[in-house]
Amino acid sequence: MHDLRWTMPVARWSATAAAATADISFIEPIVRRRLSSLSRSALKVAHDCVAERDPVRVVFASRHGELRRTTDILRAISTGEPVSPTAFSLSVLNAMTGIFGIARGDRSPASAISAGAQTLGFALLEAHAQLEADPSSPVLLVYADEPADAAYGTIEDEVQGGALAILLDTRAAGQLACTISGTGSMRGAPEPAFERPAELALPTISDAFLTQSEAVQRCLSTRAPATWQNAGTTWHWSWHEGAA
């Protein structure tokens, strides 16, 4: 069995719970009052990581994105009510990246990713790939999510509300190592060309994390390894000091 493993330099990180009041005073009031709780949380952790730093590329990740806003729009359409153009423009998955770039006057590239229950893990891989392709500027990963509207019924492996931002910079000393084992969720894709050395064997799972976000945050905050499993695939994160 082949594994995919990569290591990324983490300069800063920030997280907020869904219930937290997000201070986004750096956003103009006329824009701020139109934002959803999802975008507010995402913008807060993003700002906490970069503040007034130089331009930074952004990878935004969310399983559901602005699904609640989209659902409200669909409800309005179904009842014949007018749809707000502002609500429509802010209903796209990458709405947060546009607002963030405008607020900072930053024209750096931004992308958005959604990959089911494994969204955060694959966003980490995308951010790593971007930094490897061009290490001259940092990459900011922002993950934010909230449970879907009750209208969609029970959702398997449902997300927990909250936001997490991780700033990747080659000048950082701390390293977050990521490993994917198994092919349960990557059927049809070519097998990764990386094998896990014996000394990097995954430890016995002692904590059962409901989401990838919970596992990654535990690793970042405690520096202890964290493992998450889903659909035949195992994700493992560990922290290392010093250069990779």
Protein backbone atom coordinates (compact mmCIF):
# COMPACT_ATOMS: atom_id res chain seq x y z
CA MET A 1 0.00 0.00 0.00
CA HIS A 2 1.39 3.39 -0.98
CA ASP A 3 0.95 6.52 1.10
CA LEU A 4 1.03 10.18 0.18
CA ARG A 5 3.07 12.29 2.57
CA TRP A 6 4.07 15.94 2.58
CA THR A 7 5.37 18.54 5.03
CA MET A 8 4.50 22.23 5.11
CA PRO A 9 6.01 25.16 7.05
CA VAL A 10 3.45 26.82 9.35
CA ALA A 11 4.14 30.44 10.30
CA ARG A 12 0.87 31.16 12.12
CA TRP A 13 -2.56 29.70 12.64
CA SER A 14 -5.87 30.88 14.06
CA ALA A 15 -9.22 29.27 14.85
CA THR A 16 -12.63 30.35 16.06
CA ALA A 17 -15.70 28.43 17.16
CA ALA A 18 -19.02 28.88 15.42
CA ALA A 19 -20.54 30.54 18.49
CA ALA A 20 -17.76 33.12 18.74
CA THR A 21 -18.50 36.75 17.86
CA ALA A 22 -16.23 37.48 14.95
CA ASP A 23 -14.54 40.88 15.07
CA ILE A 24 -14.10 41.92 11.43
CA SER A 25 -13.84 45.66 11.94
CA PHE A 26 -11.26 45.80 9.14
CA ILE A 27 -14.15 45.28 6.71
CA GLU A 28 -16.20 48.34 5.76
CA PRO A 29 -19.52 48.51 7.68
CA ILE A 30 -21.62 48.57 4.48
CA VAL A 31 -20.10 45.22 3.48
CA ARG A 32 -19.80 43.82 6.98
CA ARG A 33 -23.50 43.90 7.76
CA ARG A 34 -24.31 41.83 4.65
CA LEU A 35 -21.99 38.95 5.53
CA SER A 36 -23.08 35.55 6.80
CA SER A 37 -21.73 34.05 10.00
CA LEU A 38 -19.66 31.69 7.83
CA SER A 39 -17.88 34.50 5.98
CA ARG A 40 -17.42 36.52 9.17
CA SER A 41 -15.70 33.59 10.87
CA ALA A 42 -13.52 32.92 7.82
CA LEU A 43 -12.52 36.58 7.52
CA LYS A 44 -11.66 36.80 11.21
CA VAL A 45 -9.20 33.90 11.23
CA ALA A 46 -7.74 35.00 7.90
CA HIS A 47 -7.10 38.50 9.25
CA ASP A 48 -5.63 37.08 12.47
CA CYS A 49 -3.04 35.21 10.41
CA VAL A 50 -1.99 37.91 7.93
CA ALA A 51 -3.12 41.30 9.32
CA GLU A 52 -1.05 43.88 7.43
CA ARG A 53 1.39 41.44 5.85
CA ASP A 54 2.49 41.56 2.23
CA PRO A 55 0.30 40.02 -0.50
CA VAL A 56 -0.66 36.41 0.13
CA ARG A 57 -2.30 33.74 -1.99
CA VAL A 58 -5.48 32.27 -0.51
CA VAL A 59 -6.94 28.76 -0.62
CA PHE A 60 -10.47 28.78 0.80
CA ALA A 61 -12.10 25.48 1.74
CA SER A 62 -15.62 24.62 2.84
CA ARG A 63 -17.80 21.54 2.48
CA HIS A 64 -21.09 23.44 2.37
CA GLY A 65 -19.90 27.00 1.74
CA GLU A 66 -22.75 29.52 1.60
CA LEU A 67 -25.37 26.77 1.32
CA ARG A 68 -27.61 28.39 3.93
CA ARG A 69 -27.71 31.63 1.95
CA THR A 70 -28.36 29.69 -1.25
CA THR A 71 -31.18 27.80 0.43
CA ASP A 72 -32.80 31.07 1.48
CA ILE A 73 -32.58 32.26 -2.13
CA LEU A 74 -34.26 29.07 -3.35
CA ARG A 75 -37.00 29.48 -0.79
CA ALA A 76 -37.59 33.04 -1.99
CA ILE A 77 -37.81 31.88 -5.60
CA SER A 78 -40.24 29.09 -4.70
CA THR A 79 -42.60 31.56 -3.02
CA GLY A 80 -42.32 34.17 -5.76
CA GLU A 81 -40.41 36.66 -3.61
CA PRO A 82 -37.71 38.88 -5.13
CA VAL A 83 -34.11 37.75 -4.75
CA SER A 84 -31.57 40.21 -3.44
CA PRO A 85 -28.72 40.76 -5.92
CA THR A 86 -26.36 41.14 -2.97
CA ALA A 87 -27.47 37.83 -1.47
CA PHE A 88 -26.96 36.19 -4.86
CA SER A 89 -23.46 37.63 -5.32
CA LEU A 90 -22.44 36.47 -1.85
CA SER A 91 -23.84 32.95 -2.26
CA VAL A 92 -20.87 31.57 -4.22
CA LEU A 93 -18.30 29.33 -2.53
CA ASN A 94 -15.43 31.79 -2.94
CA ALA A 95 -17.28 34.93 -1.79
CA MET A 96 -14.99 35.27 1.22
CA THR A 97 -11.81 35.38 -0.90
CA GLY A 98 -13.10 38.28 -2.98
CA ILE A 99 -14.09 40.30 0.07
CA PHE A 100 -10.76 39.58 1.74
CA GLY A 101 -8.76 40.60 -1.33
CA ILE A 102 -10.71 43.85 -1.77
CA ALA A 103 -10.35 44.74 1.92
CA ARG A 104 -6.57 44.25 1.75
CA GLY A 105 -6.10 45.66 -1.74
CA ASP A 106 -4.48 42.33 -2.58
CA ARG A 107 -4.72 41.02 -6.15
CA SER A 108 -2.99 37.71 -5.38
CA PRO A 109 -4.58 34.52 -6.76
CA ALA A 110 -7.31 32.81 -4.73
CA SER A 111 -8.98 29.45 -5.14
CA ALA A 112 -11.82 27.56 -3.45
CA ILE A 113 -12.11 23.84 -2.68
CA SER A 114 -14.94 21.56 -1.56
CA ALA A 115 -14.34 17.82 -1.14
CA GLY A 116 -16.95 16.44 1.20
CA ALA A 117 -15.83 15.28 4.64
CA GLN A 118 -12.18 15.43 3.49
CA THR A 119 -12.30 19.07 2.37
CA LEU A 120 -9.72 20.37 4.85
CA GLY A 121 -7.24 17.60 4.09
CA PHE A 122 -7.28 18.16 0.35
CA ALA A 123 -7.14 21.92 0.87
CA LEU A 124 -3.94 21.39 2.86
CA LEU A 125 -2.58 19.41 -0.08
CA GLU A 126 -3.55 22.19 -2.52
CA ALA A 127 -1.95 24.88 -0.34
CA HIS A 128 1.22 22.78 -0.08
CA ALA A 129 1.32 22.30 -3.86
CA GLN A 130 0.97 26.04 -4.44
CA LEU A 131 3.80 26.82 -2.03
CA GLU A 132 6.02 24.20 -3.63
CA ALA A 133 5.29 25.60 -7.10
CA ASP A 134 6.14 29.15 -6.01
CA PRO A 135 7.85 29.45 -2.60
CA SER A 136 8.51 33.18 -3.05
CA SER A 137 5.25 34.22 -1.37
CA PRO A 138 3.14 32.75 1.48
CA VAL A 139 -0.07 30.79 1.04
CA LEU A 140 -2.99 31.26 3.41
CA LEU A 141 -5.35 28.33 3.88
CA VAL A 142 -8.77 29.27 5.27
CA TYR A 143 -11.27 26.57 6.21
CA ALA A 144 -14.77 27.53 7.38
CA ASP A 145 -17.95 25.53 7.64
CA GLU A 146 -21.33 25.25 9.29
CA PRO A 147 -24.00 22.52 9.32
CA ALA A 148 -26.39 22.49 6.40
CA ASP A 149 -29.96 23.70 6.69
CA ALA A 150 -32.33 21.21 8.30
CA ALA A 151 -34.22 21.05 5.00
CA TYR A 152 -31.55 18.69 3.68
CA GLY A 153 -32.20 16.12 6.39
CA THR A 154 -29.49 13.95 7.93
CA ILE A 155 -26.07 14.39 6.33
CA GLU A 156 -23.42 11.73 6.73
CA ASP A 157 -20.26 12.94 8.50
CA GLU A 158 -21.80 16.37 9.00
CA VAL A 159 -19.44 19.25 9.72
CA GLN A 160 -19.13 21.24 12.92
CA GLY A 161 -19.30 25.00 12.77
CA GLY A 162 -16.14 27.06 13.00
CA ALA A 163 -13.17 28.40 11.07
CA LEU A 164 -9.45 27.67 10.86
CA ALA A 165 -6.68 29.57 9.07
CA ILE A 166 -3.10 28.37 8.52
CA LEU A 167 -0.37 30.58 7.03
CA LEU A 168 2.27 28.65 5.10
CA ASP A 169 5.60 30.42 4.70
CA THR A 170 9.00 28.97 3.83
CA ARG A 171 10.56 31.14 6.56
CA ALA A 172 8.60 29.33 9.30
CA ALA A 173 10.39 26.92 11.62
CA GLY A 174 7.44 24.74 12.57
CA GLN A 175 6.44 21.97 10.17
CA LEU A 176 3.07 20.22 9.85
CA ALA A 177 3.47 16.74 8.36
CA CYS A 178 0.45 15.19 6.62
CA THR A 179 -0.02 11.58 5.54
CA ILE A 180 -2.86 9.93 3.59
CA SER A 181 -3.15 6.15 3.78
CA GLY A 182 -5.61 3.96 1.90
CA THR A 183 -7.56 4.51 -1.29
CA GLY A 184 -11.16 4.36 -0.08
CA SER A 185 -11.99 7.89 -1.20
CA MET A 186 -9.62 8.10 -4.16
CA ARG A 187 -10.91 5.27 -6.36
CA GLY A 188 -9.98 5.79 -9.98
CA ALA A 189 -7.04 8.05 -9.12
CA PRO A 190 -3.46 6.88 -9.68
CA GLU A 191 -1.74 5.59 -6.57
CA PRO A 192 0.58 8.15 -4.93
CA ALA A 193 4.25 7.53 -5.59
CA PHE A 194 5.30 7.96 -1.94
CA GLU A 195 5.84 5.11 0.49
CA ARG A 196 5.85 5.52 4.26
CA PRO A 197 9.18 4.50 5.82
CA ALA A 198 8.93 2.08 8.75
CA GLU A 199 9.97 4.78 11.22
CA LEU A 200 6.94 6.84 10.19
CA ALA A 201 4.41 4.10 10.89
CA LEU A 202 1.12 5.56 12.05
CA PRO A 203 0.44 5.22 15.79
CA THR A 204 -2.54 3.44 17.24
CA ILE A 205 -5.55 5.76 17.15
CA SER A 206 -6.37 6.89 20.69
CA ASP A 207 -8.76 9.75 19.96
CA ALA A 208 -11.79 9.56 17.71
CA PHE A 209 -12.15 12.89 15.94
CA LEU A 210 -15.46 13.63 14.29
CA THR A 211 -13.99 15.98 11.69
CA GLN A 212 -10.64 16.71 10.06
CA SER A 213 -10.78 20.23 11.47
CA GLU A 214 -10.95 18.90 15.02
CA ALA A 215 -7.96 16.62 14.42
CA VAL A 216 -5.81 19.29 12.75
CA GLN A 217 -6.55 21.86 15.44
CA ARG A 218 -5.63 19.35 18.14
CA CYS A 219 -2.30 18.71 16.42
CA LEU A 220 -1.56 22.42 16.04
CA SER A 221 -2.53 23.35 19.60
CA THR A 222 -0.97 20.43 21.50
CA ARG A 223 1.82 19.43 19.07
CA ALA A 224 0.59 15.84 19.53
CA PRO A 225 -0.09 13.59 16.51
CA ALA A 226 -3.71 13.33 15.40
CA THR A 227 -5.43 10.80 13.13
CA TRP A 228 -8.81 10.86 11.37
CA GLN A 229 -10.45 8.06 9.40
CA ASN A 230 -13.25 8.01 6.84
CA ALA A 231 -14.40 5.68 4.05
CA GLY A 232 -11.28 3.52 4.05
CA THR A 233 -8.88 6.46 4.11
CA THR A 234 -6.72 7.47 7.08
CA TRP A 235 -5.35 11.00 7.49
CA HIS A 236 -2.54 11.61 9.96
CA TRP A 237 -0.97 14.90 11.09
CA SER A 238 2.11 15.49 13.23
CA TRP A 239 4.15 18.51 14.26
CA HIS A 240 7.90 18.92 13.89
CA GLU A 241 10.17 21.77 14.95
CA GLY A 242 12.91 22.96 12.63
CA ALA A 243 13.36 22.76 8.88
CA ALA A 244 11.85 19.87 6.95
